[in-house]
N, C-alpha and C. Protein backbone atom coordinates (compact mmCIF):
# COMPACT_ATOMS: atom_id res chain seq x y z
N MET A 1 -48.54 170.26 195.86
CA MET A 1 -48.77 171.82 196.29
C MET A 1 -50.21 172.10 196.54
N GLN A 2 -50.41 172.60 197.72
CA GLN A 2 -51.71 172.97 198.15
C GLN A 2 -52.03 174.49 197.42
N GLY A 3 -53.49 174.41 197.21
CA GLY A 3 -53.85 175.93 196.71
C GLY A 3 -53.69 176.93 198.03
N GLU A 4 -53.37 177.96 197.60
CA GLU A 4 -53.45 178.93 198.69
C GLU A 4 -54.72 179.73 198.69
N PRO A 5 -55.06 180.42 200.01
CA PRO A 5 -56.33 181.02 199.99
C PRO A 5 -56.21 182.54 199.43
N PRO A 6 -57.46 183.06 198.88
CA PRO A 6 -57.44 184.14 198.17
C PRO A 6 -56.45 185.43 198.91
N GLY A 7 -55.85 186.33 197.89
CA GLY A 7 -55.05 187.18 198.55
C GLY A 7 -55.96 188.47 198.99
N TRP A 8 -56.89 188.50 199.51
CA TRP A 8 -57.53 189.48 199.86
C TRP A 8 -57.93 189.51 201.32
N ASP A 9 -58.15 190.59 202.03
CA ASP A 9 -58.38 190.58 203.51
C ASP A 9 -59.87 191.30 203.75
N ALA A 10 -60.35 190.84 204.84
CA ALA A 10 -61.69 191.26 205.24
C ALA A 10 -61.84 192.78 205.19
N LEU A 11 -60.87 193.49 205.58
CA LEU A 11 -60.92 195.02 205.75
C LEU A 11 -61.12 195.76 204.24
N SER A 12 -60.49 195.18 203.21
CA SER A 12 -60.50 195.72 201.85
C SER A 12 -61.98 195.43 201.38
N VAL A 13 -62.64 194.21 201.55
CA VAL A 13 -63.92 193.98 201.29
C VAL A 13 -65.05 194.76 202.09
N ASN A 14 -64.85 195.02 203.28
CA ASN A 14 -65.96 195.43 204.10
C ASN A 14 -65.31 197.06 204.63
N TYR A 15 -65.33 197.94 203.54
CA TYR A 15 -64.92 199.39 203.57
C TYR A 15 -66.08 200.18 204.13
N GLN A 16 -65.78 201.10 205.17
CA GLN A 16 -66.70 201.88 205.94
C GLN A 16 -66.39 203.30 205.42
N TYR A 17 -67.65 204.08 205.08
CA TYR A 17 -67.25 205.43 204.45
C TYR A 17 -67.22 206.44 205.69
N ASP A 18 -66.72 207.28 205.34
CA ASP A 18 -66.64 208.52 206.17
C ASP A 18 -67.93 209.33 206.43
N LEU A 19 -67.87 210.19 207.32
CA LEU A 19 -69.03 210.88 207.55
C LEU A 19 -69.49 211.75 206.65
N THR A 20 -68.56 212.62 205.84
CA THR A 20 -68.82 213.36 204.95
C THR A 20 -69.50 212.62 203.57
N THR A 21 -69.02 211.58 203.47
CA THR A 21 -69.33 210.77 202.26
C THR A 21 -70.91 210.26 202.42
N LYS A 22 -71.08 209.78 203.73
CA LYS A 22 -72.46 209.23 204.06
C LYS A 22 -73.41 210.41 203.88
N LEU A 23 -73.03 211.65 204.48
CA LEU A 23 -73.95 212.86 204.47
C LEU A 23 -74.19 213.23 203.00
N THR A 24 -73.24 213.43 202.28
CA THR A 24 -73.37 213.74 200.84
C THR A 24 -74.31 212.76 200.06
N VAL A 25 -73.91 211.60 200.16
CA VAL A 25 -74.90 210.60 199.62
C VAL A 25 -76.55 210.59 200.18
N LEU A 26 -76.71 210.96 201.40
CA LEU A 26 -77.90 211.06 202.13
C LEU A 26 -78.48 212.49 201.28
N TYR A 27 -77.97 213.43 201.31
CA TYR A 27 -78.50 214.72 200.70
C TYR A 27 -79.02 214.52 199.31
N LEU A 28 -77.97 213.79 198.64
CA LEU A 28 -78.30 213.39 197.10
C LEU A 28 -79.64 212.71 197.09
N THR A 29 -79.57 211.70 197.85
CA THR A 29 -80.89 210.70 197.76
C THR A 29 -82.12 211.59 198.28
N VAL A 30 -82.15 212.20 199.20
CA VAL A 30 -83.12 212.90 199.89
C VAL A 30 -83.63 214.05 198.78
N SER A 31 -82.63 214.55 198.17
CA SER A 31 -82.89 215.70 196.98
C SER A 31 -83.58 215.19 195.95
N ILE A 32 -83.15 213.98 195.41
CA ILE A 32 -83.88 213.47 194.18
C ILE A 32 -85.23 212.94 194.67
N LEU A 33 -85.38 212.30 195.54
CA LEU A 33 -86.95 211.86 195.98
C LEU A 33 -87.72 213.22 196.48
N VAL A 34 -87.20 214.21 196.73
CA VAL A 34 -88.24 215.45 197.12
C VAL A 34 -88.33 216.18 195.70
N PHE A 35 -87.20 216.10 194.78
CA PHE A 35 -87.40 216.59 193.38
C PHE A 35 -88.61 216.02 192.55
N VAL A 36 -88.61 214.52 192.70
CA VAL A 36 -89.68 213.66 191.92
C VAL A 36 -90.91 214.20 192.53
N ILE A 37 -91.09 214.21 193.98
CA ILE A 37 -92.39 214.55 194.77
C ILE A 37 -92.79 216.10 194.05
N LEU A 38 -91.98 217.03 194.05
CA LEU A 38 -92.30 218.35 193.83
C LEU A 38 -92.56 218.37 192.44
N ALA A 39 -91.85 217.75 191.54
CA ALA A 39 -92.36 217.64 190.10
C ALA A 39 -93.70 217.05 189.83
N ILE A 40 -94.15 215.96 190.39
CA ILE A 40 -95.52 215.54 190.37
C ILE A 40 -96.58 216.68 190.98
N ARG A 41 -96.20 217.07 192.02
CA ARG A 41 -97.09 218.24 192.85
C ARG A 41 -97.27 219.43 191.91
N SER A 42 -96.05 219.73 190.82
CA SER A 42 -96.12 220.90 190.29
C SER A 42 -96.99 220.72 188.83
N LEU A 43 -97.27 219.53 188.33
CA LEU A 43 -97.86 219.26 187.10
C LEU A 43 -99.45 220.19 187.20
N PRO A 44 -100.09 219.95 188.08
CA PRO A 44 -101.48 220.68 188.16
C PRO A 44 -101.25 222.24 187.90
N ILE A 45 -100.37 222.83 188.53
CA ILE A 45 -99.81 224.18 188.35
C ILE A 45 -99.79 224.44 187.06
N LEU A 46 -98.84 223.68 186.13
CA LEU A 46 -98.90 223.76 184.92
C LEU A 46 -99.97 223.62 184.01
N ARG A 47 -100.84 222.74 184.34
CA ARG A 47 -102.15 222.61 183.71
C ARG A 47 -102.94 223.79 184.03
N ARG A 48 -102.98 224.31 185.15
CA ARG A 48 -103.80 225.49 185.25
C ARG A 48 -103.29 226.68 184.48
N LEU A 49 -101.94 226.91 184.35
CA LEU A 49 -101.45 228.05 183.40
C LEU A 49 -101.69 227.91 182.12
N LYS A 50 -101.85 226.46 181.68
CA LYS A 50 -102.08 226.30 180.21
C LYS A 50 -103.52 226.59 180.00
N LEU A 51 -104.66 226.15 180.95
CA LEU A 51 -105.91 226.21 180.72
C LEU A 51 -106.31 227.79 180.94
N SER A 52 -105.70 228.26 181.86
CA SER A 52 -106.10 229.91 182.07
C SER A 52 -105.52 230.68 180.90
N ALA A 53 -104.17 230.33 180.32
CA ALA A 53 -103.80 231.14 179.15
C ALA A 53 -104.54 230.88 177.92
N ALA A 54 -105.20 229.72 177.67
CA ALA A 54 -105.91 229.42 176.61
C ALA A 54 -107.33 230.27 176.82
N THR A 55 -108.00 230.22 178.20
CA THR A 55 -109.00 230.95 178.01
C THR A 55 -108.79 232.52 177.97
N LEU A 56 -107.76 233.04 178.54
CA LEU A 56 -107.42 234.43 178.12
C LEU A 56 -107.30 234.76 176.69
N ARG A 57 -106.61 233.91 176.05
CA ARG A 57 -106.37 233.91 174.66
C ARG A 57 -107.42 233.81 173.70
N ALA A 58 -108.56 233.34 174.20
CA ALA A 58 -109.69 232.90 173.45
C ALA A 58 -110.29 234.34 172.84
N PRO A 59 -110.85 234.12 171.42
CA PRO A 59 -111.29 235.48 170.96
C PRO A 59 -112.45 236.05 171.54
N LYS A 60 -112.58 237.30 171.83
CA LYS A 60 -113.87 237.70 172.75
C LYS A 60 -114.67 238.34 171.67
N PRO A 61 -115.99 238.01 172.20
CA PRO A 61 -117.18 238.53 171.14
C PRO A 61 -117.14 240.04 171.48
N THR A 62 -117.87 240.71 170.45
CA THR A 62 -118.11 242.07 170.38
C THR A 62 -119.43 242.81 171.00
N SER A 63 -120.23 241.84 171.24
CA SER A 63 -121.50 242.29 172.03
C SER A 63 -121.35 242.72 173.34
N SER A 64 -122.34 243.95 173.32
CA SER A 64 -122.09 244.73 174.82
C SER A 64 -122.64 243.95 175.65
N ASP A 65 -123.55 242.85 175.53
CA ASP A 65 -124.29 242.13 176.60
C ASP A 65 -123.25 241.14 177.25
N THR A 66 -122.61 240.75 176.23
CA THR A 66 -121.46 239.57 176.63
C THR A 66 -120.32 240.35 177.21
N ASP A 67 -120.10 241.50 177.21
CA ASP A 67 -118.98 242.13 177.62
C ASP A 67 -118.86 242.28 179.35
N ASP A 68 -119.96 242.53 179.83
CA ASP A 68 -120.11 242.28 181.41
C ASP A 68 -119.74 240.76 181.77
N GLN A 69 -120.37 239.87 181.19
CA GLN A 69 -120.22 238.53 181.20
C GLN A 69 -118.66 238.22 180.91
N GLN A 70 -118.06 238.87 180.04
CA GLN A 70 -116.75 238.26 179.67
C GLN A 70 -115.96 238.83 180.70
N MET A 71 -116.18 240.13 181.15
CA MET A 71 -115.39 240.71 182.31
C MET A 71 -115.42 239.80 183.43
N HIS A 72 -116.57 239.47 183.68
CA HIS A 72 -116.57 238.43 185.22
C HIS A 72 -116.10 237.03 184.85
N ALA A 73 -116.03 236.58 183.56
CA ALA A 73 -115.62 235.33 183.42
C ALA A 73 -113.83 235.36 183.29
N ALA A 74 -113.60 236.55 182.57
CA ALA A 74 -112.13 236.60 182.45
C ALA A 74 -111.37 237.08 183.72
N ASN A 75 -112.11 237.66 184.62
CA ASN A 75 -111.23 238.21 186.02
C ASN A 75 -110.93 236.97 186.64
N PRO A 76 -111.83 235.82 186.99
CA PRO A 76 -111.32 234.66 187.52
C PRO A 76 -110.08 233.88 186.66
N ALA A 77 -110.55 233.76 185.50
CA ALA A 77 -109.11 233.13 184.57
C ALA A 77 -108.03 233.93 184.83
N MET A 78 -107.97 235.30 184.87
CA MET A 78 -106.71 236.03 185.01
C MET A 78 -106.09 235.92 186.36
N GLN A 79 -107.27 235.70 187.39
CA GLN A 79 -106.54 235.33 188.58
C GLN A 79 -105.97 234.26 188.74
N ARG A 80 -106.43 233.11 188.24
CA ARG A 80 -105.95 231.93 187.99
C ARG A 80 -104.43 231.86 187.23
N PHE A 81 -104.48 232.78 186.18
CA PHE A 81 -103.31 232.76 185.62
C PHE A 81 -101.97 233.36 186.37
N ARG A 82 -102.44 234.47 187.12
CA ARG A 82 -101.47 235.16 187.92
C ARG A 82 -100.96 234.27 188.94
N ILE A 83 -102.07 233.42 189.45
CA ILE A 83 -101.39 232.61 190.64
C ILE A 83 -100.55 231.64 190.13
N ALA A 84 -100.99 231.02 189.07
CA ALA A 84 -100.00 229.89 188.42
C ALA A 84 -98.64 230.51 187.96
N CYS A 85 -98.71 231.71 187.54
CA CYS A 85 -97.37 232.47 187.23
C CYS A 85 -96.79 232.80 188.59
N VAL A 86 -97.15 233.11 189.54
CA VAL A 86 -96.32 233.35 190.61
C VAL A 86 -95.80 232.05 191.11
N ALA A 87 -96.77 230.91 191.14
CA ALA A 87 -96.29 229.60 191.80
C ALA A 87 -95.09 229.12 190.95
N ILE A 88 -94.95 229.26 189.37
CA ILE A 88 -93.92 228.70 188.66
C ILE A 88 -92.56 229.80 188.96
N GLN A 89 -92.88 230.92 189.14
CA GLN A 89 -91.80 231.65 189.28
C GLN A 89 -91.07 231.28 190.67
N SER A 90 -91.98 231.07 191.71
CA SER A 90 -91.39 230.59 193.07
C SER A 90 -90.68 229.40 192.90
N VAL A 91 -90.99 228.26 191.92
CA VAL A 91 -90.56 227.11 191.89
C VAL A 91 -89.05 227.30 191.13
N LEU A 92 -89.14 228.36 190.21
CA LEU A 92 -87.73 228.77 189.54
C LEU A 92 -86.80 229.04 190.47
N VAL A 93 -87.15 229.88 191.30
CA VAL A 93 -86.32 230.62 192.31
C VAL A 93 -85.83 229.37 193.17
N ASP A 94 -86.58 228.54 193.58
CA ASP A 94 -86.32 227.48 194.28
C ASP A 94 -85.25 226.65 193.81
N LEU A 95 -85.71 226.15 192.30
CA LEU A 95 -84.54 225.24 191.77
C LEU A 95 -83.30 226.06 191.46
N ARG A 96 -83.05 227.25 191.23
CA ARG A 96 -81.77 227.91 191.16
C ARG A 96 -81.09 227.80 192.48
N ARG A 97 -81.92 227.91 193.61
CA ARG A 97 -81.19 228.04 194.92
C ARG A 97 -80.67 226.50 195.15
N TRP A 98 -81.49 225.61 194.71
CA TRP A 98 -81.32 223.97 195.09
C TRP A 98 -80.04 223.75 194.21
N VAL A 99 -79.93 224.14 193.10
CA VAL A 99 -78.85 224.03 192.31
C VAL A 99 -77.34 224.64 192.91
N GLN A 100 -77.50 225.94 193.48
CA GLN A 100 -76.39 226.29 194.21
C GLN A 100 -76.08 225.68 195.37
N LEU A 101 -76.95 225.24 196.08
CA LEU A 101 -76.60 224.61 197.21
C LEU A 101 -76.02 223.09 197.15
N THR A 102 -76.53 222.47 196.05
CA THR A 102 -76.03 221.28 195.43
C THR A 102 -74.66 221.50 195.19
N MET A 103 -74.12 222.38 194.45
CA MET A 103 -72.79 222.71 194.06
C MET A 103 -71.91 223.03 195.58
N LEU A 104 -72.59 223.77 196.38
CA LEU A 104 -71.81 224.07 197.48
C LEU A 104 -71.50 222.83 198.30
N ILE A 105 -72.42 221.81 198.37
CA ILE A 105 -72.23 220.74 199.21
C ILE A 105 -71.10 219.76 198.32
N LEU A 106 -71.12 219.63 197.10
CA LEU A 106 -70.16 219.13 196.36
C LEU A 106 -68.82 219.46 196.72
N LEU A 107 -68.65 220.91 196.40
CA LEU A 107 -67.28 221.50 196.80
C LEU A 107 -66.88 221.36 198.12
N THR A 108 -67.75 221.19 199.08
CA THR A 108 -67.32 221.11 200.25
C THR A 108 -66.92 219.53 200.81
N TYR A 109 -67.86 218.64 200.21
CA TYR A 109 -67.32 217.36 200.35
C TYR A 109 -65.89 217.02 199.54
N SER A 110 -65.81 217.62 198.30
CA SER A 110 -64.37 217.45 197.59
C SER A 110 -63.25 218.02 198.42
N ALA A 111 -63.54 219.16 198.84
CA ALA A 111 -62.46 219.89 199.76
C ALA A 111 -62.28 219.05 200.94
N THR A 112 -63.21 218.54 201.63
CA THR A 112 -62.71 217.61 202.98
C THR A 112 -62.26 216.26 202.55
N GLU A 113 -62.60 215.71 201.44
CA GLU A 113 -61.90 214.55 201.32
C GLU A 113 -60.62 214.62 200.52
N ILE A 114 -60.26 215.75 199.91
CA ILE A 114 -58.81 215.88 199.34
C ILE A 114 -58.07 216.43 200.43
N ALA A 115 -58.37 217.06 201.42
CA ALA A 115 -57.73 217.60 202.66
C ALA A 115 -57.30 216.56 203.58
N ASP A 116 -58.36 215.38 203.74
CA ASP A 116 -58.18 214.40 204.51
C ASP A 116 -57.19 213.45 203.91
N GLU A 117 -57.25 213.31 202.50
CA GLU A 117 -56.17 212.26 201.89
C GLU A 117 -54.82 212.80 201.89
N LEU A 118 -54.87 214.13 201.58
CA LEU A 118 -53.36 214.86 201.76
C LEU A 118 -52.72 214.82 203.15
N ARG A 119 -53.53 214.90 204.25
CA ARG A 119 -53.12 214.74 205.58
C ARG A 119 -52.47 213.32 205.56
N ARG A 120 -53.37 212.35 205.13
CA ARG A 120 -52.94 210.91 205.16
C ARG A 120 -51.73 210.69 204.49
N ILE A 121 -51.53 211.27 203.22
CA ILE A 121 -50.45 210.86 202.35
C ILE A 121 -49.01 211.64 203.24
N SER A 122 -49.10 212.72 203.68
CA SER A 122 -48.07 213.44 204.41
C SER A 122 -47.66 212.69 205.83
N THR A 123 -48.78 212.03 206.30
CA THR A 123 -48.39 211.48 207.58
C THR A 123 -47.75 210.03 207.25
N TYR A 124 -48.22 209.39 206.39
CA TYR A 124 -47.48 208.02 206.04
C TYR A 124 -46.44 208.17 204.98
N LYS A 125 -46.30 209.35 204.63
CA LYS A 125 -45.12 209.56 203.47
C LYS A 125 -45.40 208.95 202.05
N MET A 126 -46.73 208.58 201.75
CA MET A 126 -46.78 208.02 200.48
C MET A 126 -46.68 208.72 199.32
N THR A 127 -46.32 208.12 198.15
CA THR A 127 -46.10 209.08 196.86
C THR A 127 -46.71 208.43 195.83
N GLY A 128 -46.92 208.87 194.84
CA GLY A 128 -47.37 208.09 193.57
C GLY A 128 -48.91 208.35 193.23
N ILE A 129 -49.31 207.89 192.10
CA ILE A 129 -50.63 207.95 191.79
C ILE A 129 -51.35 206.76 192.65
N GLY A 130 -50.95 205.75 193.20
CA GLY A 130 -51.63 204.80 193.91
C GLY A 130 -52.23 205.59 195.16
N ALA A 131 -51.57 206.57 195.86
CA ALA A 131 -51.99 206.99 196.84
C ALA A 131 -53.38 207.99 196.61
N LEU A 132 -53.34 208.58 195.39
CA LEU A 132 -54.32 209.26 195.01
C LEU A 132 -55.61 208.61 194.52
N SER A 133 -55.42 207.38 193.81
CA SER A 133 -56.25 207.14 192.95
C SER A 133 -57.77 206.74 193.40
N GLY A 134 -57.79 206.12 194.73
CA GLY A 134 -58.73 205.73 195.61
C GLY A 134 -59.65 206.94 195.73
N LEU A 135 -58.93 207.83 196.26
CA LEU A 135 -59.57 209.32 196.53
C LEU A 135 -60.35 209.87 195.51
N LEU A 136 -59.46 209.87 194.34
CA LEU A 136 -60.20 210.52 193.20
C LEU A 136 -61.41 209.71 192.51
N GLY A 137 -61.25 208.43 192.60
CA GLY A 137 -62.17 207.76 192.13
C GLY A 137 -63.59 207.95 192.90
N GLN A 138 -63.32 208.05 194.31
CA GLN A 138 -64.71 208.28 195.20
C GLN A 138 -65.30 209.50 195.01
N THR A 139 -64.42 210.70 194.96
CA THR A 139 -64.75 211.82 194.79
C THR A 139 -65.39 212.30 193.36
N CYS A 140 -64.79 211.75 192.43
CA CYS A 140 -65.63 211.66 191.05
C CYS A 140 -66.75 211.16 190.93
N SER A 141 -67.07 209.81 191.56
CA SER A 141 -68.33 209.08 191.65
C SER A 141 -69.19 209.86 192.13
N MET A 142 -68.96 210.61 193.21
CA MET A 142 -70.13 211.48 193.79
C MET A 142 -70.45 212.68 192.83
N TRP A 143 -69.32 213.33 192.12
CA TRP A 143 -69.58 214.35 191.32
C TRP A 143 -70.35 213.96 190.11
N VAL A 144 -70.39 212.83 189.75
CA VAL A 144 -71.06 212.10 188.59
C VAL A 144 -72.56 212.21 188.83
N VAL A 145 -72.77 211.60 190.09
CA VAL A 145 -74.21 211.41 190.57
C VAL A 145 -74.80 212.97 190.86
N ALA A 146 -74.30 213.66 191.36
CA ALA A 146 -74.58 215.04 191.67
C ALA A 146 -74.90 215.97 190.49
N LEU A 147 -73.93 215.80 189.59
CA LEU A 147 -73.95 216.61 188.33
C LEU A 147 -75.29 216.22 187.34
N TRP A 148 -75.48 214.88 187.41
CA TRP A 148 -76.68 214.49 186.63
C TRP A 148 -77.93 214.93 187.37
N PHE A 149 -77.72 215.21 188.76
CA PHE A 149 -78.89 215.52 189.38
C PHE A 149 -79.15 217.05 189.03
N ILE A 150 -77.90 217.87 189.10
CA ILE A 150 -78.23 219.16 188.66
C ILE A 150 -78.56 219.49 187.13
N VAL A 151 -78.02 218.45 186.20
CA VAL A 151 -78.75 218.49 184.95
C VAL A 151 -80.09 218.67 184.85
N VAL A 152 -80.79 217.49 185.75
CA VAL A 152 -82.14 217.48 185.87
C VAL A 152 -82.95 218.76 186.29
N LEU A 153 -82.24 219.34 187.32
CA LEU A 153 -82.78 220.53 187.71
C LEU A 153 -82.70 221.67 186.95
N CYS A 154 -81.87 221.77 185.96
CA CYS A 154 -81.42 222.90 184.92
C CYS A 154 -82.54 222.66 184.04
N ILE A 155 -82.84 221.42 183.70
CA ILE A 155 -83.87 221.12 182.70
C ILE A 155 -84.99 221.49 183.06
N ALA A 156 -85.50 221.30 184.24
CA ALA A 156 -86.61 221.61 185.03
C ALA A 156 -86.88 222.91 184.77
N SER A 157 -85.80 223.77 185.20
CA SER A 157 -85.87 225.18 185.28
C SER A 157 -85.74 225.80 183.83
N TRP A 158 -85.42 225.15 182.86
CA TRP A 158 -85.44 225.66 181.77
C TRP A 158 -87.05 225.64 180.96
N ILE A 159 -87.35 224.34 181.38
CA ILE A 159 -88.72 224.21 181.00
C ILE A 159 -89.94 225.26 181.71
N LEU A 160 -89.72 225.27 182.94
CA LEU A 160 -90.77 226.32 183.68
C LEU A 160 -90.52 227.65 183.02
N SER A 161 -89.07 228.08 182.77
CA SER A 161 -88.85 229.50 182.11
C SER A 161 -89.54 229.54 180.78
N ASP A 162 -89.37 228.62 179.99
CA ASP A 162 -90.22 228.62 178.88
C ASP A 162 -91.67 228.79 178.77
N ARG A 163 -92.09 228.15 179.87
CA ARG A 163 -93.72 228.16 179.89
C ARG A 163 -93.88 229.76 180.40
N LEU A 164 -93.15 230.21 181.33
CA LEU A 164 -93.51 231.59 181.54
C LEU A 164 -93.21 232.61 180.44
N ALA A 165 -92.30 232.35 179.47
CA ALA A 165 -91.98 232.99 178.55
C ALA A 165 -93.11 233.09 177.44
N ARG A 166 -93.72 231.92 177.12
CA ARG A 166 -94.83 231.84 176.34
C ARG A 166 -96.11 232.95 176.73
N CYS A 167 -96.02 232.81 178.06
CA CYS A 167 -97.23 233.54 178.69
C CYS A 167 -96.96 235.05 178.91
N ALA A 168 -95.84 235.64 178.39
CA ALA A 168 -95.59 237.10 178.50
C ALA A 168 -96.35 238.00 177.97
N ASP A 169 -96.90 237.66 176.84
CA ASP A 169 -97.79 238.53 176.41
C ASP A 169 -99.17 238.68 177.19
N LEU A 170 -99.66 237.82 177.85
CA LEU A 170 -100.69 237.72 178.74
C LEU A 170 -100.57 238.46 180.08
N ARG A 171 -99.12 238.40 180.43
CA ARG A 171 -98.91 239.01 181.67
C ARG A 171 -98.84 240.39 181.61
N ALA A 172 -98.36 241.03 180.21
CA ALA A 172 -98.41 242.23 179.81
C ALA A 172 -99.64 242.97 179.67
N ASP A 173 -100.63 242.28 178.98
CA ASP A 173 -102.05 242.40 178.93
C ASP A 173 -102.57 242.71 180.39
N SER A 174 -102.16 241.71 181.17
CA SER A 174 -102.94 241.87 182.46
C SER A 174 -102.29 243.15 183.21
N ALA A 175 -101.43 243.41 182.86
CA ALA A 175 -100.51 244.84 183.69
C ALA A 175 -101.21 245.97 183.19
N HIS A 176 -102.11 246.02 182.08
CA HIS A 176 -102.72 247.44 181.43
C HIS A 176 -104.21 247.36 182.07
């Protein structure tokens, strides 16, 4: 008795993804790369915020000669502090929008894939869990990657919100 060739065909090994899957993977890949670049670029803003907050919190001498010098020295520090606060608030708004866009893309991807699979099931009159298992596995794997990305975005948002909350007293003092 001769050994038979393996029981798989070339189509099952060389699977082509549809356009929605390719676009969703492209979006997630580009988003992760852009996020890493923006996170690295925002580190100097956080450093400026910390340094300007430390300068503004430093004890002020009571001498009248140094009051004029202190006013001139505090003004640039206050200006740097305000600019850093505005930049961080802008990044927070962008992160929240990014999370919303990612969720919208995931929901659109899932709806498209599920609709296509249900159309295929009704056309070929397939039933059972075998008809849906491949679709559910592919859709869930995309959700896993995207949800981990959303977790990272939310953590970054919380860290930036915490930085701004720590400097709330300085913002209140600068308003007066």
